[in-house]
């Protein structure tokens, strides 16, 4: 990957776009489950990917067309110098 989640999130936040990290995936890693008896059936590596590499872009129904264009434009602006060809 040509960039990290934190690089992108920091860029978006610095551009006025609110984000939130995702705490989904391996719920047994949450401190509230520390003393909960459980059994893990497999490695759950994809749940780690969700927790470590994803985030939400905050949205609400009142977003204007201009606001949406701003968000999309910032994604383009961030990714343009990081694109690579296969």
PDB file of N, CA and C in Angstrom:
ATOM      1  N   UNK A   1       0.850  -1.183   0.000  1.00  0.00           N
ATOM      2  CA  UNK A   1       0.000   0.000   0.000  1.00  0.00           C
ATOM      3  C   UNK A   1       0.893   1.243   0.000  1.00  0.00           C
ATOM      4  N   UNK A   2       0.585   2.192  -0.843  1.00  0.00           N
ATOM      5  CA  UNK A   2       1.454   3.367  -0.956  1.00  0.00           C
ATOM      6  C   UNK A   2       1.289   4.391   0.176  1.00  0.00           C
ATOM      7  N   UNK A   3       0.368   4.155   1.103  1.00  0.00           N
ATOM      8  CA  UNK A   3       0.171   5.072   2.233  1.00  0.00           C
ATOM      9  C   UNK A   3      -0.544   4.328   3.356  1.00  0.00           C
ATOM     10  N   UNK A   4      -0.493   4.887   4.544  1.00  0.00           N
ATOM     11  CA  UNK A   4      -1.150   4.253   5.693  1.00  0.00           C
ATOM     12  C   UNK A   4      -2.502   4.897   5.966  1.00  0.00           C
ATOM     13  N   UNK A   5      -3.298   4.210   6.732  1.00  0.00           N
ATOM     14  CA  UNK A   5      -4.582   4.761   7.150  1.00  0.00           C
ATOM     15  C   UNK A   5      -4.375   6.077   7.872  1.00  0.00           C
ATOM     16  N   UNK A   6      -3.402   6.131   8.763  1.00  0.00           N
ATOM     17  CA  UNK A   6      -3.168   7.355   9.532  1.00  0.00           C
ATOM     18  C   UNK A   6      -2.794   8.533   8.641  1.00  0.00           C
ATOM     19  N   UNK A   7      -2.011   8.289   7.594  1.00  0.00           N
ATOM     20  CA  UNK A   7      -1.674   9.374   6.666  1.00  0.00           C
ATOM     21  C   UNK A   7      -2.926   9.945   6.013  1.00  0.00           C
ATOM     22  N   UNK A   8      -3.796   9.064   5.549  1.00  0.00           N
ATOM     23  CA  UNK A   8      -5.016   9.514   4.889  1.00  0.00           C
ATOM     24  C   UNK A   8      -5.955  10.205   5.874  1.00  0.00           C
ATOM     25  N   UNK A   9      -6.154   9.607   7.040  1.00  0.00           N
ATOM     26  CA  UNK A   9      -7.039  10.207   8.047  1.00  0.00           C
ATOM     27  C   UNK A   9      -6.522  11.579   8.468  1.00  0.00           C
ATOM     28  N   UNK A  10      -5.234  11.695   8.709  1.00  0.00           N
ATOM     29  CA  UNK A  10      -4.667  12.992   9.093  1.00  0.00           C
ATOM     30  C   UNK A  10      -4.848  14.032   7.989  1.00  0.00           C
ATOM     31  N   UNK A  11      -4.669  13.622   6.750  1.00  0.00           N
ATOM     32  CA  UNK A  11      -4.861  14.528   5.622  1.00  0.00           C
ATOM     33  C   UNK A  11      -6.315  14.998   5.557  1.00  0.00           C
ATOM     34  N   UNK A  12      -7.247  14.058   5.650  1.00  0.00           N
ATOM     35  CA  UNK A  12      -8.665  14.421   5.573  1.00  0.00           C
ATOM     36  C   UNK A  12      -9.066  15.326   6.728  1.00  0.00           C
ATOM     37  N   UNK A  13      -8.647  14.986   7.939  1.00  0.00           N
ATOM     38  CA  UNK A  13      -8.974  15.817   9.104  1.00  0.00           C
ATOM     39  C   UNK A  13      -8.402  17.222   8.930  1.00  0.00           C
ATOM     40  N   UNK A  14      -7.194  17.316   8.393  1.00  0.00           N
ATOM     41  CA  UNK A  14      -6.577  18.606   8.145  1.00  0.00           C
ATOM     42  C   UNK A  14      -7.279  19.405   7.056  1.00  0.00           C
ATOM     43  N   UNK A  15      -8.084  18.728   6.255  1.00  0.00           N
ATOM     44  CA  UNK A  15      -8.851  19.375   5.187  1.00  0.00           C
ATOM     45  C   UNK A  15     -10.287  19.656   5.618  1.00  0.00           C
ATOM     46  N   UNK A  16     -10.567  19.483   6.919  1.00  0.00           N
ATOM     47  CA  UNK A  16     -11.900  19.772   7.428  1.00  0.00           C
ATOM     48  C   UNK A  16     -12.904  18.653   7.239  1.00  0.00           C
ATOM     49  N   UNK A  17     -12.423  17.439   6.998  1.00  0.00           N
ATOM     50  CA  UNK A  17     -13.309  16.296   6.800  1.00  0.00           C
ATOM     51  C   UNK A  17     -13.206  15.392   8.027  1.00  0.00           C
ATOM     52  N   UNK A  18     -14.313  15.247   8.729  1.00  0.00           N
ATOM     53  CA  UNK A  18     -14.313  14.458   9.961  1.00  0.00           C
ATOM     54  C   UNK A  18     -14.264  12.968   9.647  1.00  0.00           C
ATOM     55  N   UNK A  19     -13.478  12.241  10.412  1.00  0.00           N
ATOM     56  CA  UNK A  19     -13.373  10.790  10.274  1.00  0.00           C
ATOM     57  C   UNK A  19     -13.486  10.162  11.654  1.00  0.00           C
ATOM     58  N   UNK A  20     -13.730   8.881  11.675  1.00  0.00           N
ATOM     59  CA  UNK A  20     -13.727   8.114  12.914  1.00  0.00           C
ATOM     60  C   UNK A  20     -13.119   6.748  12.613  1.00  0.00           C
ATOM     61  N   UNK A  21     -12.280   6.281  13.513  1.00  0.00           N
ATOM     62  CA  UNK A  21     -11.721   4.944  13.346  1.00  0.00           C
ATOM     63  C   UNK A  21     -12.794   3.916  13.630  1.00  0.00           C
ATOM     64  N   UNK A  22     -12.669   2.768  13.009  1.00  0.00           N
ATOM     65  CA  UNK A  22     -13.638   1.692  13.161  1.00  0.00           C
ATOM     66  C   UNK A  22     -13.189   0.776  14.285  1.00  0.00           C
ATOM     67  N   UNK A  23     -14.075   0.538  15.244  1.00  0.00           N
ATOM     68  CA  UNK A  23     -13.775  -0.498  16.226  1.00  0.00           C
ATOM     69  C   UNK A  23     -14.777  -1.618  16.013  1.00  0.00           C
ATOM     70  N   UNK A  24     -14.537  -2.339  14.971  1.00  0.00           N
ATOM     71  CA  UNK A  24     -15.309  -3.528  14.639  1.00  0.00           C
ATOM     72  C   UNK A  24     -14.299  -4.631  14.463  1.00  0.00           C
ATOM     73  N   UNK A  25     -14.772  -5.740  14.060  1.00  0.00           N
ATOM     74  CA  UNK A  25     -13.836  -6.813  13.819  1.00  0.00           C
ATOM     75  C   UNK A  25     -13.669  -7.666  15.052  1.00  0.00           C
ATOM     76  N   UNK A  26     -12.470  -7.727  15.569  1.00  0.00           N
ATOM     77  CA  UNK A  26     -12.169  -8.631  16.673  1.00  0.00           C
ATOM     78  C   UNK A  26     -12.597  -7.998  17.996  1.00  0.00           C
ATOM     79  N   UNK A  27     -13.869  -8.123  18.306  1.00  0.00           N
ATOM     80  CA  UNK A  27     -14.440  -7.482  19.492  1.00  0.00           C
ATOM     81  C   UNK A  27     -13.783  -7.986  20.774  1.00  0.00           C
ATOM     82  N   UNK A  28     -13.207  -9.163  20.745  1.00  0.00           N
ATOM     83  CA  UNK A  28     -12.569  -9.686  21.959  1.00  0.00           C
ATOM     84  C   UNK A  28     -11.319  -8.895  22.332  1.00  0.00           C
ATOM     85  N   UNK A  29     -10.856  -8.025  21.431  1.00  0.00           N
ATOM     86  CA  UNK A  29      -9.716  -7.157  21.761  1.00  0.00           C
ATOM     87  C   UNK A  29     -10.151  -5.930  22.566  1.00  0.00           C
ATOM     88  N   UNK A  30     -11.443  -5.685  22.626  1.00  0.00           N
ATOM     89  CA  UNK A  30     -11.956  -4.539  23.372  1.00  0.00           C
ATOM     90  C   UNK A  30     -11.796  -4.806  24.872  1.00  0.00           C
ATOM     91  N   UNK A  31     -11.350  -3.811  25.635  1.00  0.00           N
ATOM     92  CA  UNK A  31     -11.137  -3.999  27.073  1.00  0.00           C
ATOM     93  C   UNK A  31     -12.376  -4.497  27.827  1.00  0.00           C
ATOM     94  N   UNK A  32     -13.560  -4.168  27.348  1.00  0.00           N
ATOM     95  CA  UNK A  32     -14.784  -4.621  28.027  1.00  0.00           C
ATOM     96  C   UNK A  32     -14.923  -6.139  28.009  1.00  0.00           C
ATOM     97  N   UNK A  33     -14.259  -6.787  27.089  1.00  0.00           N
ATOM     98  CA  UNK A  33     -14.349  -8.242  26.973  1.00  0.00           C
ATOM     99  C   UNK A  33     -13.158  -8.952  27.610  1.00  0.00           C
ATOM    100  N   UNK A  34     -12.348  -8.230  28.334  1.00  0.00           N
ATOM    101  CA  UNK A  34     -11.135  -8.783  28.915  1.00  0.00           C
ATOM    102  C   UNK A  34     -11.412 -10.011  29.788  1.00  0.00           C
ATOM    103  N   UNK A  35     -12.460  -9.960  30.571  1.00  0.00           N
ATOM    104  CA  UNK A  35     -12.763 -11.062  31.494  1.00  0.00           C
ATOM    105  C   UNK A  35     -13.949 -11.901  31.049  1.00  0.00           C
ATOM    106  N   UNK A  36     -14.346 -11.789  29.802  1.00  0.00           N
ATOM    107  CA  UNK A  36     -15.457 -12.565  29.268  1.00  0.00           C
ATOM    108  C   UNK A  36     -14.913 -13.865  28.703  1.00  0.00           C
ATOM    109  N   UNK A  37     -15.474 -14.953  29.167  1.00  0.00           N
ATOM    110  CA  UNK A  37     -15.050 -16.255  28.676  1.00  0.00           C
ATOM    111  C   UNK A  37     -15.502 -16.402  27.223  1.00  0.00           C
ATOM    112  N   UNK A  38     -14.575 -16.824  26.351  1.00  0.00           N
ATOM    113  CA  UNK A  38     -14.891 -16.963  24.943  1.00  0.00           C
ATOM    114  C   UNK A  38     -13.990 -18.018  24.308  1.00  0.00           C
ATOM    115  N   UNK A  39     -14.375 -18.425  23.133  1.00  0.00           N
ATOM    116  CA  UNK A  39     -13.575 -19.371  22.360  1.00  0.00           C
ATOM    117  C   UNK A  39     -13.415 -18.808  20.952  1.00  0.00           C
ATOM    118  N   UNK A  40     -12.197 -18.780  20.455  1.00  0.00           N
ATOM    119  CA  UNK A  40     -11.922 -18.293  19.106  1.00  0.00           C
ATOM    120  C   UNK A  40     -11.711 -19.511  18.212  1.00  0.00           C
ATOM    121  N   UNK A  41     -12.472 -19.562  17.120  1.00  0.00           N
ATOM    122  CA  UNK A  41     -12.439 -20.719  16.238  1.00  0.00           C
ATOM    123  C   UNK A  41     -11.371 -20.661  15.165  1.00  0.00           C
ATOM    124  N   UNK A  42     -10.842 -19.487  14.915  1.00  0.00           N
ATOM    125  CA  UNK A  42      -9.820 -19.376  13.875  1.00  0.00           C
ATOM    126  C   UNK A  42      -8.940 -18.163  14.155  1.00  0.00           C
ATOM    127  N   UNK A  43      -8.043 -17.897  13.251  1.00  0.00           N
ATOM    128  CA  UNK A  43      -7.073 -16.809  13.397  1.00  0.00           C
ATOM    129  C   UNK A  43      -7.723 -15.418  13.377  1.00  0.00           C
ATOM    130  N   UNK A  44      -8.841 -15.268  12.676  1.00  0.00           N
ATOM    131  CA  UNK A  44      -9.572 -13.998  12.568  1.00  0.00           C
ATOM    132  C   UNK A  44      -8.707 -12.872  11.993  1.00  0.00           C
ATOM    133  N   UNK A  45      -7.830 -13.199  11.058  1.00  0.00           N
ATOM    134  CA  UNK A  45      -6.919 -12.186  10.519  1.00  0.00           C
ATOM    135  C   UNK A  45      -7.655 -11.093   9.756  1.00  0.00           C
ATOM    136  N   UNK A  46      -8.783 -11.395   9.121  1.00  0.00           N
ATOM    137  CA  UNK A  46      -9.525 -10.352   8.413  1.00  0.00           C
ATOM    138  C   UNK A  46     -10.128  -9.342   9.384  1.00  0.00           C
ATOM    139  N   UNK A  47     -10.466  -9.772  10.586  1.00  0.00           N
ATOM    140  CA  UNK A  47     -10.989  -8.822  11.559  1.00  0.00           C
ATOM    141  C   UNK A  47      -9.896  -7.853  11.994  1.00  0.00           C
ATOM    142  N   UNK A  48      -8.673  -8.298  12.047  1.00  0.00           N
ATOM    143  CA  UNK A  48      -7.566  -7.393  12.342  1.00  0.00           C
ATOM    144  C   UNK A  48      -7.421  -6.352  11.228  1.00  0.00           C
ATOM    145  N   UNK A  49      -7.586  -6.765   9.992  1.00  0.00           N
ATOM    146  CA  UNK A  49      -7.507  -5.841   8.864  1.00  0.00           C
ATOM    147  C   UNK A  49      -8.567  -4.758   8.998  1.00  0.00           C
ATOM    148  N   UNK A  50      -9.782  -5.144   9.343  1.00  0.00           N
ATOM    149  CA  UNK A  50     -10.855  -4.163   9.531  1.00  0.00           C
ATOM    150  C   UNK A  50     -10.473  -3.161  10.619  1.00  0.00           C
ATOM    151  N   UNK A  51      -9.983  -3.653  11.737  1.00  0.00           N
ATOM    152  CA  UNK A  51      -9.651  -2.772  12.855  1.00  0.00           C
ATOM    153  C   UNK A  51      -8.454  -1.878  12.567  1.00  0.00           C
ATOM    154  N   UNK A  52      -7.493  -2.354  11.822  1.00  0.00           N
ATOM    155  CA  UNK A  52      -6.242  -1.625  11.645  1.00  0.00           C
ATOM    156  C   UNK A  52      -6.188  -0.763  10.383  1.00  0.00           C
ATOM    157  N   UNK A  53      -7.035  -1.063   9.391  1.00  0.00           N
ATOM    158  CA  UNK A  53      -6.888  -0.385   8.101  1.00  0.00           C
ATOM    159  C   UNK A  53      -8.115   0.383   7.629  1.00  0.00           C
ATOM    160  N   UNK A  54      -9.193   0.411   8.398  1.00  0.00           N
ATOM    161  CA  UNK A  54     -10.401   1.078   7.924  1.00  0.00           C
ATOM    162  C   UNK A  54     -10.796   2.247   8.815  1.00  0.00           C
ATOM    163  N   UNK A  55     -11.648   3.103   8.264  1.00  0.00           N
ATOM    164  CA  UNK A  55     -12.170   4.246   9.014  1.00  0.00           C
ATOM    165  C   UNK A  55     -13.468   4.698   8.358  1.00  0.00           C
ATOM    166  N   UNK A  56     -14.218   5.511   9.074  1.00  0.00           N
ATOM    167  CA  UNK A  56     -15.445   6.103   8.564  1.00  0.00           C
ATOM    168  C   UNK A  56     -15.184   7.536   8.154  1.00  0.00           C
ATOM    169  N   UNK A  57     -15.808   7.964   7.082  1.00  0.00           N
ATOM    170  CA  UNK A  57     -15.886   9.379   6.766  1.00  0.00           C
ATOM    171  C   UNK A  57     -17.239   9.822   7.309  1.00  0.00           C
ATOM    172  N   UNK A  58     -17.215  10.826   8.186  1.00  0.00           N
ATOM    173  CA  UNK A  58     -18.460  11.267   8.821  1.00  0.00           C
ATOM    174  C   UNK A  58     -19.348  11.971   7.799  1.00  0.00           C
ATOM    175  N   UNK A  59     -20.589  11.552   7.717  1.00  0.00           N
ATOM    176  CA  UNK A  59     -21.552  12.152   6.814  1.00  0.00           C
ATOM    177  C   UNK A  59     -22.877  12.354   7.535  1.00  0.00           C
ATOM    178  N   UNK A  60     -23.709  13.218   6.981  1.00  0.00           N
ATOM    179  CA  UNK A  60     -25.061  13.407   7.493  1.00  0.00           C
ATOM    180  C   UNK A  60     -25.957  13.837   6.344  1.00  0.00           C
ATOM    181  N   UNK A  61     -27.252  13.767   6.543  1.00  0.00           N
ATOM    182  CA  UNK A  61     -28.194  14.015   5.458  1.00  0.00           C
ATOM    183  C   UNK A  61     -28.145  15.439   4.917  1.00  0.00           C
ATOM    184  N   UNK A  62     -27.602  16.381   5.675  1.00  0.00           N
ATOM    185  CA  UNK A  62     -27.567  17.761   5.240  1.00  0.00           C
ATOM    186  C   UNK A  62     -26.376  18.141   4.390  1.00  0.00           C
ATOM    187  N   UNK A  63     -25.589  17.172   3.949  1.00  0.00           N
ATOM    188  CA  UNK A  63     -24.449  17.498   3.093  1.00  0.00           C
ATOM    189  C   UNK A  63     -24.924  18.074   1.769  1.00  0.00           C
ATOM    190  N   UNK A  64     -24.336  19.180   1.395  1.00  0.00           N
ATOM    191  CA  UNK A  64     -24.658  19.787   0.104  1.00  0.00           C
ATOM    192  C   UNK A  64     -23.802  19.142  -0.984  1.00  0.00           C
ATOM    193  N   UNK A  65     -24.174  19.427  -2.220  1.00  0.00           N
ATOM    194  CA  UNK A  65     -23.402  18.943  -3.354  1.00  0.00           C
ATOM    195  C   UNK A  65     -21.960  19.451  -3.263  1.00  0.00           C
ATOM    196  N   UNK A  66     -21.794  20.705  -2.871  1.00  0.00           N
ATOM    197  CA  UNK A  66     -20.451  21.292  -2.753  1.00  0.00           C
ATOM    198  C   UNK A  66     -19.630  20.588  -1.683  1.00  0.00           C
ATOM    199  N   UNK A  67     -20.261  20.224  -0.583  1.00  0.00           N
ATOM    200  CA  UNK A  67     -19.551  19.510   0.489  1.00  0.00           C
ATOM    201  C   UNK A  67     -19.079  18.136   0.006  1.00  0.00           C
ATOM    202  N   UNK A  68     -19.953  17.448  -0.701  1.00  0.00           N
ATOM    203  CA  UNK A  68     -19.600  16.127  -1.222  1.00  0.00           C
ATOM    204  C   UNK A  68     -18.461  16.254  -2.239  1.00  0.00           C
ATOM    205  N   UNK A  69     -18.524  17.258  -3.093  1.00  0.00           N
ATOM    206  CA  UNK A  69     -17.456  17.500  -4.062  1.00  0.00           C
ATOM    207  C   UNK A  69     -16.136  17.781  -3.343  1.00  0.00           C
ATOM    208  N   UNK A  70     -16.188  18.514  -2.235  1.00  0.00           N
ATOM    209  CA  UNK A  70     -14.983  18.798  -1.452  1.00  0.00           C
ATOM    210  C   UNK A  70     -14.358  17.503  -0.939  1.00  0.00           C
ATOM    211  N   UNK A  71     -15.195  16.635  -0.375  1.00  0.00           N
ATOM    212  CA  UNK A  71     -14.691  15.357   0.151  1.00  0.00           C
ATOM    213  C   UNK A  71     -14.052  14.553  -0.976  1.00  0.00           C
ATOM    214  N   UNK A  72     -14.759  14.402  -2.073  1.00  0.00           N
ATOM    215  CA  UNK A  72     -14.217  13.634  -3.200  1.00  0.00           C
ATOM    216  C   UNK A  72     -12.942  14.267  -3.747  1.00  0.00           C
ATOM    217  N   UNK A  73     -12.937  15.578  -3.821  1.00  0.00           N
ATOM    218  CA  UNK A  73     -11.752  16.279  -4.302  1.00  0.00           C
ATOM    219  C   UNK A  73     -10.538  16.068  -3.416  1.00  0.00           C
ATOM    220  N   UNK A  74     -10.759  16.007  -2.109  1.00  0.00           N
ATOM    221  CA  UNK A  74      -9.644  15.785  -1.186  1.00  0.00           C
ATOM    222  C   UNK A  74      -9.090  14.372  -1.315  1.00  0.00           C
ATOM    223  N   UNK A  75      -9.963  13.396  -1.555  1.00  0.00           N
ATOM    224  CA  UNK A  75      -9.474  12.037  -1.816  1.00  0.00           C
ATOM    225  C   UNK A  75      -8.615  12.029  -3.078  1.00  0.00           C
ATOM    226  N   UNK A  76      -9.093  12.698  -4.119  1.00  0.00           N
ATOM    227  CA  UNK A  76      -8.311  12.774  -5.364  1.00  0.00           C
ATOM    228  C   UNK A  76      -6.973  13.471  -5.140  1.00  0.00           C
ATOM    229  N   UNK A  77      -7.015  14.582  -4.433  1.00  0.00           N
ATOM    230  CA  UNK A  77      -5.802  15.361  -4.179  1.00  0.00           C
ATOM    231  C   UNK A  77      -4.773  14.547  -3.387  1.00  0.00           C
ATOM    232  N   UNK A  78      -5.251  13.794  -2.415  1.00  0.00           N
ATOM    233  CA  UNK A  78      -4.357  12.966  -1.604  1.00  0.00           C
ATOM    234  C   UNK A  78      -3.766  11.832  -2.446  1.00  0.00           C
ATOM    235  N   UNK A  79      -4.609  11.180  -3.230  1.00  0.00           N
ATOM    236  CA  UNK A  79      -4.151   9.970  -3.901  1.00  0.00           C
ATOM    237  C   UNK A  79      -3.351  10.224  -5.174  1.00  0.00           C
ATOM    238  N   UNK A  80      -3.515  11.376  -5.799  1.00  0.00           N
ATOM    239  CA  UNK A  80      -2.832  11.637  -7.074  1.00  0.00           C
ATOM    240  C   UNK A  80      -1.313  11.401  -7.020  1.00  0.00           C
ATOM    241  N   UNK A  81      -0.582  11.979  -6.080  1.00  0.00           N
ATOM    242  CA  UNK A  81       0.870  11.743  -6.092  1.00  0.00           C
ATOM    243  C   UNK A  81       1.262  10.348  -5.593  1.00  0.00           C
ATOM    244  N   UNK A  82       0.328   9.596  -5.062  1.00  0.00           N
ATOM    245  CA  UNK A  82       0.628   8.277  -4.517  1.00  0.00           C
ATOM    246  C   UNK A  82       0.205   7.137  -5.453  1.00  0.00           C
ATOM    247  N   UNK A  83      -0.403   7.466  -6.546  1.00  0.00           N
ATOM    248  CA  UNK A  83      -0.847   6.441  -7.489  1.00  0.00           C
ATOM    249  C   UNK A  83       0.347   5.796  -8.154  1.00  0.00           C
ATOM    250  N   UNK A  84       0.171   4.563  -8.461  1.00  0.00           N
ATOM    251  CA  UNK A  84       1.220   3.843  -9.186  1.00  0.00           C
ATOM    252  C   UNK A  84       0.551   2.957 -10.216  1.00  0.00           C
ATOM    253  N   UNK A  85       1.267   2.593 -11.226  1.00  0.00           N
ATOM    254  CA  UNK A  85       0.719   1.742 -12.265  1.00  0.00           C
ATOM    255  C   UNK A  85       1.209   0.322 -12.045  1.00  0.00           C
ATOM    256  N   UNK A  86       0.350  -0.599 -12.401  1.00  0.00           N
ATOM    257  CA  UNK A  86       0.688  -2.019 -12.229  1.00  0.00           C
ATOM    258  C   UNK A  86       1.436  -2.532 -13.416  1.00  0.00           C
TER     259      UNK A  86
END
